[in-house]
Amino acid sequence: MIRFEQVTKRYPDGTTAVDGLSFEVAEGELVTLVGPSGCGKTTTMMMVNRLIEPTSGRILVAGEDVATVDPVRLRRRIGYVIQQVGLFPHRTVLDNTATVPTLVGWRKAKARARAAELLDLVGLDPKTYGSRYPDQLSGGQRQRVGVARALAADPPVLLMDEPFGAVDPVVREQLQDEFLRMQESVRKTVLLVTHDIEEAVRLGDRIAVYGQGRVEQFDTPGAVLGTPATQYVADFVGADRGLKRLSVTEIQRDDLEQPPVARLDEPAGTAAARLRSGSARWAVVLDTEGDLHGWVGVDELTGGGSVGDHVHRMNSWVPVGAPLKQAFGVMLQHDAGWVAVLEGARFLGVLTPAKLHEALRRSVDADARGVARGQVAFDSVTKA
C-alpha cells in the first residue's frame, strides 16, 4: 500500500534528515516508526502526504507516485493524527469529526451521520459528546476525536504522529487498547511515529527502528526484541528486551502442562482416592463439557457430597493466545505458581513459570532461525 523507494530528504544547509529510505507497508498493516528525536521518523511520515517534499526517490501509495497527485486531494484521502490533535475550538465535536467528509463534498446529513458513527467507534457517545466543544473534553477524549476525524472520510491510509504522547500513562494505555480494538475492525494501513519502544512493540505489526536518517531494522516486534540486527538496535530496545518480548509472545497450546483433574459431579471420596494414588495435592475442577469451574485441595475432599461441594473459585486464568506478559502479571497478582489457560470457558491446561520461560526461549530461537515456534525443539527447562 505504501512503498518508499530510495527516498532522501536533504535540506539546503546540508542536513540529511532521511537517507536512501526503502521499505514497504502492506495493506491493512500497522507499522510503527521508532527512534530518538531528530532521527527522521516524522519527516518520513510527512513526506507521504507531501507536507514535506523529498529531495530524491519515490513514495507510492496504492501504486501511485504521490509526487504526481495534487497535495490537497492527496491529503483528503489520507487520515492524519497529531499529538496536539488540532481540533477547531469554535466547532462542536460532531462538526470537527465531519470536517473532511464535508470538504470532499458529502451532504451535511451524511457527513454528520458518519461522524456520529466514528465517535461511537472510538468510545464517545455522540449523543453525549457530539454537541460539546474541544475545551469541554479531557486530553484523552480530544485525542479520540482526532482519531475519529482522521477516519471520517474512510481513508485507506492513516498517518499518526505521537498520537498518544500528550496524555498520562493510564489514559495512554486505554487509548492504545481502544485503537487496537478499532484497527481490528477497520484495518487501515497505518504509519505511526513514536519514540517509545514499548508503544512501538505493543501496537506495531512491524517496527522500523531508526538510527540517524536510516532504518537500522525493519521487522516484527518479536524479531526486533529477540534478534536485534545491530548493536545500535540492541542498545535502543534496551537490556530488558527479554521482558518486553513477553508482551509480543502469545501463549500456545504446546506451552501448557496438564495438571490433575477432578470432575464437578464426581463423588468427593472417589476423587480423593484417585488423586492420592497419583500423589496429587490439588486438582483443577471441570464439568462434563471440559469447562473450568475452579480448583480443590485433595485434603478437602472429605465426607459425602460431590467435588462441586468443595470447589474454590479460580482467579488466576488467561485466554489462549494472550501474551506471556499477561500470564506473568496474573501469576504475580495472585501469588500463583501457575495460571489456567482457557479457550472460551474450556480448560486447556496450565502455564507454569518454567513453561513460560521455555515459551520465551522457543520464540526467540524460532525468530533467529526463521521457522515456526512449533519447529523449535530443545530440552525443557523443567527437566533435570
Protein backbone atom coordinates (compact mmCIF):
# COMPACT_ATOMS: atom_id res chain seq x y z
CA MET A 1 0.00 0.00 0.00
CA ILE A 2 2.85 2.42 0.89
CA ARG A 3 6.27 1.99 -0.72
CA PHE A 4 9.42 4.03 -0.20
CA GLU A 5 11.99 3.74 -2.98
CA GLN A 6 15.42 5.20 -2.14
CA VAL A 7 13.84 8.28 -0.55
CA THR A 8 16.18 11.02 0.65
CA LYS A 9 15.42 14.36 2.27
CA ARG A 10 18.32 16.82 2.35
CA TYR A 11 17.89 20.43 3.48
CA PRO A 12 19.73 23.46 1.97
CA ASP A 13 22.07 23.68 4.98
CA GLY A 14 23.32 20.17 4.17
CA THR A 15 21.37 18.36 6.88
CA THR A 16 20.20 14.93 5.73
CA ALA A 17 17.01 14.03 7.58
CA VAL A 18 16.33 10.80 5.66
CA ASP A 19 18.91 8.96 3.57
CA GLY A 20 18.10 6.31 0.95
CA LEU A 21 14.99 5.01 2.69
CA SER A 22 13.39 1.88 1.18
CA PHE A 23 10.66 -0.21 2.74
CA GLU A 24 7.06 -1.24 2.09
CA VAL A 25 3.92 -1.24 4.25
CA ALA A 26 1.34 -3.85 3.27
CA GLU A 27 -2.36 -3.08 3.01
CA GLY A 28 -4.01 -3.22 6.43
CA GLU A 29 -0.67 -3.30 8.23
CA LEU A 30 0.25 -1.09 11.18
CA VAL A 31 3.92 -0.11 11.07
CA THR A 32 5.50 1.86 13.89
CA LEU A 33 8.45 4.18 13.22
CA VAL A 34 10.52 4.39 16.37
CA GLY A 35 13.73 6.16 17.25
CA PRO A 36 15.21 9.11 19.16
CA SER A 37 14.28 12.72 18.46
CA GLY A 38 15.69 14.07 15.20
CA CYS A 39 16.24 10.67 13.57
CA GLY A 40 13.91 11.32 10.60
CA LYS A 41 10.81 9.32 11.51
CA THR A 42 8.38 12.28 11.45
CA THR A 43 9.99 13.55 8.24
CA THR A 44 9.35 10.12 6.72
CA MET A 45 5.69 10.23 7.62
CA MET A 46 5.16 13.82 6.46
CA MET A 47 6.60 13.02 3.04
CA VAL A 48 3.75 10.55 2.49
CA ASN A 49 1.13 13.34 2.42
CA ARG A 50 3.57 15.88 0.95
CA LEU A 51 3.73 18.17 3.94
CA ILE A 52 7.45 17.72 3.27
CA GLU A 53 8.76 17.05 -0.24
CA PRO A 54 11.57 14.50 -0.70
CA THR A 55 14.83 15.55 -2.33
CA SER A 56 15.03 12.32 -4.31
CA GLY A 57 13.41 8.93 -4.58
CA ARG A 58 9.74 7.98 -4.85
CA ILE A 59 6.87 7.35 -2.45
CA LEU A 60 3.95 5.34 -3.81
CA VAL A 61 0.53 4.94 -2.20
CA ALA A 62 -1.61 2.20 -3.77
CA GLY A 63 0.82 2.16 -6.69
CA GLU A 64 0.52 5.91 -7.39
CA ASP A 65 3.52 8.23 -7.07
CA VAL A 66 2.40 10.87 -4.56
CA ALA A 67 4.52 13.49 -6.36
CA THR A 68 2.08 13.31 -9.28
CA VAL A 69 -1.02 13.89 -7.11
CA ASP A 70 -2.42 17.29 -6.17
CA PRO A 71 -1.37 17.78 -2.49
CA VAL A 72 -4.81 18.91 -1.33
CA ARG A 73 -6.55 15.95 -2.98
CA LEU A 74 -3.88 13.62 -1.62
CA ARG A 75 -4.31 14.84 1.96
CA ARG A 76 -8.07 14.50 1.87
CA ARG A 77 -7.73 10.77 1.25
CA ILE A 78 -5.06 10.19 3.91
CA GLY A 79 -6.04 10.39 7.58
CA TYR A 80 -3.67 12.40 9.76
CA VAL A 81 -3.49 12.38 13.57
CA ILE A 82 -1.01 14.50 15.53
CA GLN A 83 -0.13 14.72 19.21
CA GLN A 84 -1.67 18.19 19.60
CA VAL A 85 -4.90 16.93 17.94
CA GLY A 86 -5.58 20.27 16.19
CA LEU A 87 -9.35 20.43 16.68
CA PHE A 88 -11.16 23.62 15.68
CA PRO A 89 -12.06 25.28 19.01
CA HIS A 90 -15.15 27.06 17.61
CA ARG A 91 -16.73 23.89 16.20
CA THR A 92 -18.55 21.14 18.05
CA VAL A 93 -17.09 17.66 18.38
CA LEU A 94 -19.54 16.34 15.78
CA ASP A 95 -18.70 19.11 13.29
CA ASN A 96 -14.97 18.67 13.91
CA THR A 97 -15.29 14.99 13.14
CA ALA A 98 -17.28 15.70 9.96
CA THR A 99 -14.66 18.16 8.61
CA VAL A 100 -13.08 16.06 5.86
CA PRO A 101 -16.30 14.46 4.54
CA THR A 102 -17.76 17.96 4.25
CA LEU A 103 -14.68 19.23 2.41
CA VAL A 104 -14.82 16.41 -0.13
CA GLY A 105 -18.47 17.15 -0.92
CA TRP A 106 -20.54 14.83 1.23
CA ARG A 107 -24.06 16.02 2.05
CA LYS A 108 -24.25 17.51 5.53
CA ALA A 109 -26.60 14.82 6.85
CA LYS A 110 -24.38 12.03 5.54
CA ALA A 111 -21.22 13.68 6.93
CA ARG A 112 -22.76 14.12 10.37
CA ALA A 113 -24.09 10.55 10.39
CA ARG A 114 -20.61 9.28 9.54
CA ALA A 115 -19.14 11.49 12.29
CA ALA A 116 -21.57 10.07 14.84
CA GLU A 117 -20.69 6.53 13.76
CA LEU A 118 -16.97 7.21 14.19
CA LEU A 119 -17.39 8.88 17.58
CA ASP A 120 -19.19 5.78 18.77
CA LEU A 121 -16.39 3.62 17.34
CA VAL A 122 -13.75 5.45 19.40
CA GLY A 123 -15.83 5.15 22.56
CA LEU A 124 -17.52 8.57 22.68
CA ASP A 125 -21.32 8.54 22.70
CA PRO A 126 -22.30 11.11 20.03
CA LYS A 127 -25.46 11.99 21.97
CA THR A 128 -23.33 12.95 24.96
CA TYR A 129 -20.23 14.40 23.31
CA GLY A 130 -21.33 15.47 19.82
CA SER A 131 -22.59 18.92 20.88
CA ARG A 132 -19.62 19.68 23.13
CA TYR A 133 -16.65 21.84 22.20
CA PRO A 134 -13.00 20.75 22.41
CA ASP A 135 -12.30 22.74 25.59
CA GLN A 136 -15.03 20.74 27.32
CA LEU A 137 -13.16 17.47 26.78
CA SER A 138 -10.26 15.80 28.57
CA GLY A 139 -6.97 15.30 26.75
CA GLY A 140 -7.76 11.65 26.10
CA GLN A 141 -11.20 12.49 24.76
CA ARG A 142 -9.76 15.11 22.39
CA GLN A 143 -7.30 12.52 21.14
CA ARG A 144 -10.17 10.12 20.42
CA VAL A 145 -11.94 12.85 18.45
CA GLY A 146 -8.74 13.38 16.47
CA VAL A 147 -8.66 9.71 15.53
CA ALA A 148 -12.36 9.76 14.61
CA ARG A 149 -11.87 12.83 12.43
CA ALA A 150 -8.96 11.20 10.61
CA LEU A 151 -11.13 8.17 9.83
CA ALA A 152 -14.31 10.04 8.90
CA ALA A 153 -13.87 10.03 5.12
CA ASP A 154 -12.81 6.34 5.26
CA PRO A 155 -9.22 6.89 4.05
CA PRO A 156 -7.21 3.78 3.17
CA VAL A 157 -4.09 5.22 4.84
CA LEU A 158 -3.71 6.69 8.31
CA LEU A 159 -0.66 8.68 9.47
CA MET A 160 -0.23 9.11 13.23
CA ASP A 161 2.48 11.31 14.78
CA GLU A 162 2.95 10.59 18.51
CA PRO A 163 -0.85 10.28 18.80
CA PHE A 164 -0.90 9.21 22.45
CA GLY A 165 2.12 11.10 23.74
CA ALA A 166 0.31 14.05 25.35
CA VAL A 167 -1.72 12.07 27.91
CA ASP A 168 -0.83 10.35 31.17
CA PRO A 169 0.32 6.70 31.17
CA VAL A 170 -3.02 5.24 32.30
CA VAL A 171 -5.01 7.09 29.63
CA ARG A 172 -2.33 6.29 27.05
CA GLU A 173 -2.73 2.56 27.67
CA GLN A 174 -6.50 2.88 27.42
CA LEU A 175 -6.19 4.75 24.12
CA GLN A 176 -3.79 2.15 22.77
CA ASP A 177 -6.23 -0.63 23.70
CA GLU A 178 -9.10 1.24 22.07
CA PHE A 179 -7.09 1.88 18.92
CA LEU A 180 -6.03 -1.77 18.60
CA ARG A 181 -9.64 -2.84 19.02
CA MET A 182 -10.72 -0.36 16.37
CA GLN A 183 -7.92 -1.38 13.99
CA GLU A 184 -9.17 -4.98 14.11
CA SER A 185 -12.43 -3.81 12.56
CA VAL A 186 -11.34 -1.02 10.18
CA ARG A 187 -7.94 -2.49 9.06
CA LYS A 188 -6.38 0.72 7.84
CA THR A 189 -2.82 0.90 6.56
CA VAL A 190 -1.11 2.84 9.34
CA LEU A 191 2.23 4.57 9.82
CA LEU A 192 2.60 5.52 13.48
CA VAL A 193 5.52 7.59 14.77
CA THR A 194 6.65 7.13 18.37
CA HIS A 195 9.81 7.49 20.44
CA ASP A 196 8.59 4.84 22.90
CA ILE A 197 9.83 1.33 22.10
CA GLU A 198 7.18 -0.24 24.35
CA GLU A 199 4.41 1.55 22.42
CA ALA A 200 6.03 0.53 19.13
CA VAL A 201 6.16 -3.10 20.24
CA ARG A 202 2.61 -3.10 21.57
CA LEU A 203 0.97 -1.53 18.53
CA GLY A 204 3.05 -2.46 15.51
CA ASP A 205 2.65 -5.43 13.19
CA ARG A 206 6.18 -4.46 12.17
CA ILE A 207 8.65 -1.90 13.51
CA ALA A 208 11.09 0.37 11.68
CA VAL A 209 13.88 1.22 14.13
CA TYR A 210 15.57 4.45 13.04
CA GLY A 211 19.16 5.44 13.50
CA GLN A 212 20.20 8.82 12.11
CA GLY A 213 18.13 9.12 8.94
CA ARG A 214 18.29 5.40 8.24
CA VAL A 215 16.26 2.34 9.20
CA GLU A 216 18.53 0.05 11.19
CA GLN A 217 15.99 -2.79 11.35
CA PHE A 218 12.55 -3.36 9.83
CA ASP A 219 10.94 -6.46 11.27
CA THR A 220 8.28 -7.88 13.57
CA PRO A 221 8.28 -6.75 17.21
CA GLY A 222 9.36 -10.22 18.30
CA ALA A 223 12.34 -10.25 15.93
CA VAL A 224 13.45 -6.73 16.89
CA LEU A 225 13.40 -7.68 20.58
CA GLY A 226 14.73 -11.21 20.17
CA THR A 227 17.32 -10.79 17.44
CA PRO A 228 18.41 -7.13 17.10
CA ALA A 229 20.08 -6.61 13.72
CA THR A 230 22.79 -4.26 15.02
CA GLN A 231 24.32 -3.18 18.30
CA TYR A 232 22.53 0.14 17.87
CA VAL A 233 19.15 -1.64 17.81
CA ALA A 234 20.11 -3.77 20.82
CA ASP A 235 21.08 -0.66 22.78
CA PHE A 236 17.93 1.20 21.71
CA VAL A 237 15.45 -1.52 22.68
CA GLY A 238 17.28 -1.93 25.99
CA ALA A 239 18.84 -4.63 28.11
CA ASP A 240 15.36 -5.62 29.31
CA ARG A 241 14.23 -6.56 25.81
CA GLY A 242 13.55 -10.09 27.06
CA LEU A 243 10.90 -8.70 29.39
CA LYS A 244 9.49 -6.53 26.61
CA ARG A 245 9.26 -9.60 24.41
CA LEU A 246 6.82 -11.16 26.87
CA SER A 247 4.23 -8.69 25.56
CA VAL A 248 4.50 -9.95 21.95
CA THR A 249 4.85 -13.69 22.57
CA GLU A 250 1.49 -15.45 22.65
CA ILE A 251 0.56 -18.43 24.77
CA GLN A 252 0.19 -21.55 22.62
CA ARG A 253 -1.26 -24.95 23.45
CA ASP A 254 2.17 -26.59 23.28
CA ASP A 255 3.31 -24.35 26.15
CA LEU A 256 0.89 -25.93 28.61
CA GLU A 257 1.14 -28.65 31.23
CA GLN A 258 -1.73 -30.94 32.20
CA PRO A 259 -2.43 -30.96 35.95
CA PRO A 260 -4.58 -33.43 37.92
CA VAL A 261 -8.28 -33.03 37.13
CA ALA A 262 -11.43 -33.70 39.14
CA ARG A 263 -14.95 -33.63 37.74
CA LEU A 264 -17.58 -31.35 39.23
CA ASP A 265 -20.13 -34.14 39.76
CA GLU A 266 -17.61 -36.79 40.86
CA PRO A 267 -18.14 -38.16 44.42
CA ALA A 268 -15.67 -36.42 46.74
CA GLY A 269 -14.35 -39.65 48.27
CA THR A 270 -13.79 -41.27 44.88
CA ALA A 271 -11.94 -38.22 43.59
CA ALA A 272 -9.78 -38.04 46.72
CA ALA A 273 -8.72 -41.69 46.44
CA ARG A 274 -7.91 -41.35 42.75
CA LEU A 275 -5.91 -38.17 43.21
CA ARG A 276 -3.98 -39.51 46.22
CA SER A 277 -2.97 -42.57 44.22
CA GLY A 278 -1.20 -40.19 41.87
CA SER A 279 0.34 -38.22 44.76
CA ALA A 280 -1.66 -35.12 43.82
CA ARG A 281 -2.31 -32.48 46.48
CA TRP A 282 -4.78 -30.42 44.44
CA ALA A 283 -6.76 -30.64 41.19
CA VAL A 284 -8.42 -28.45 38.61
CA VAL A 285 -12.20 -28.90 38.66
CA LEU A 286 -14.02 -29.27 35.33
CA ASP A 287 -17.60 -30.06 34.34
CA THR A 288 -18.60 -32.77 31.85
CA GLU A 289 -18.03 -30.35 28.94
CA GLY A 290 -14.46 -29.63 30.00
CA ASP A 291 -15.27 -26.11 31.21
CA LEU A 292 -13.31 -24.74 34.14
CA HIS A 293 -15.11 -24.39 37.49
CA GLY A 294 -12.19 -23.85 39.86
CA TRP A 295 -9.79 -25.93 41.91
CA VAL A 296 -9.87 -28.12 45.00
CA GLY A 297 -7.36 -29.41 47.57
CA VAL A 298 -7.28 -33.18 47.93
CA ASP A 299 -7.39 -32.96 51.75
CA GLU A 300 -10.67 -31.01 51.47
CA LEU A 301 -12.46 -33.89 49.74
CA THR A 302 -13.75 -35.47 52.95
CA GLY A 303 -17.19 -36.66 53.91
CA GLY A 304 -20.02 -37.03 51.44
CA GLY A 305 -21.16 -34.94 48.56
CA SER A 306 -19.51 -34.24 45.25
CA VAL A 307 -16.35 -32.40 44.25
CA GLY A 308 -18.56 -29.41 43.40
CA ASP A 309 -19.41 -29.02 47.09
CA HIS A 310 -15.75 -28.21 47.86
CA VAL A 311 -14.62 -26.28 44.77
CA HIS A 312 -12.82 -22.91 45.06
CA ARG A 313 -13.05 -20.10 42.54
CA MET A 314 -10.14 -19.92 40.09
CA ASN A 315 -8.84 -16.36 39.89
CA SER A 316 -5.58 -16.98 38.04
CA TRP A 317 -6.51 -17.67 34.42
CA VAL A 318 -5.86 -16.20 30.95
CA PRO A 319 -7.17 -16.99 27.45
CA VAL A 320 -5.05 -18.95 24.99
CA GLY A 321 -3.33 -16.52 22.62
CA ALA A 322 -2.87 -13.92 25.35
CA PRO A 323 0.67 -12.54 25.69
CA LEU A 324 3.04 -14.17 28.14
CA LYS A 325 3.25 -10.80 29.89
CA GLN A 326 -0.43 -11.07 30.84
CA ALA A 327 0.08 -14.54 32.28
CA PHE A 328 3.14 -13.38 34.23
CA GLY A 329 1.17 -10.44 35.59
CA VAL A 330 -1.67 -12.72 36.75
CA MET A 331 0.84 -15.01 38.50
CA LEU A 332 2.28 -12.05 40.39
CA GLN A 333 -1.12 -10.51 41.17
CA HIS A 334 -2.47 -13.70 42.74
CA ASP A 335 0.87 -15.04 44.06
CA ALA A 336 0.19 -18.16 41.99
CA GLY A 337 2.60 -20.87 40.88
CA TRP A 338 0.68 -21.28 37.60
CA VAL A 339 -2.23 -19.89 35.63
CA ALA A 340 -5.04 -21.80 33.96
CA VAL A 341 -5.33 -21.27 30.19
CA LEU A 342 -8.79 -21.29 28.62
CA GLU A 343 -10.41 -21.25 25.21
CA GLY A 344 -13.71 -19.60 25.98
CA ALA A 345 -14.67 -21.46 29.17
CA ARG A 346 -12.96 -24.71 28.11
CA PHE A 347 -9.86 -25.64 30.08
CA LEU A 348 -6.73 -26.34 28.01
CA GLY A 349 -4.01 -26.67 30.64
CA VAL A 350 -1.82 -24.60 32.94
CA LEU A 351 1.15 -22.35 32.26
CA THR A 352 3.91 -22.58 34.87
CA PRO A 353 6.87 -20.21 35.30
CA ALA A 354 9.16 -22.85 33.83
CA LYS A 355 6.92 -23.30 30.79
CA LEU A 356 6.63 -19.52 30.39
CA HIS A 357 10.42 -19.28 30.27
CA GLU A 358 10.59 -22.15 27.81
CA ALA A 359 7.98 -20.50 25.55
CA LEU A 360 10.01 -17.29 25.52
CA ARG A 361 13.23 -19.13 24.65
CA ARG A 362 11.47 -21.10 21.91
CA SER A 363 10.02 -17.91 20.42
CA VAL A 364 13.40 -16.15 20.31
CA ASP A 365 15.06 -19.20 18.76
CA ALA A 366 12.28 -19.51 16.15
CA ASP A 367 12.74 -15.90 15.03
CA ALA A 368 16.51 -16.32 14.86
CA ARG A 369 16.14 -19.41 12.65
CA GLY A 370 13.19 -18.11 10.62
CA VAL A 371 10.93 -21.05 11.48
CA ALA A 372 7.63 -21.55 13.28
CA ARG A 373 7.77 -21.82 17.06
CA GLY A 374 6.50 -25.40 16.96
CA GLN A 375 9.55 -26.44 14.91
CA VAL A 376 11.98 -25.48 17.66
CA ALA A 377 12.99 -28.34 19.92
CA PHE A 378 15.27 -28.29 22.93
CA ASP A 379 15.42 -29.87 26.36
CA SER A 380 12.70 -28.45 28.57
CA VAL A 381 13.85 -26.23 31.41
CA THR A 382 11.65 -28.40 33.63
CA LYS A 383 13.95 -31.39 33.04
CA ALA A 384 16.92 -32.14 35.25
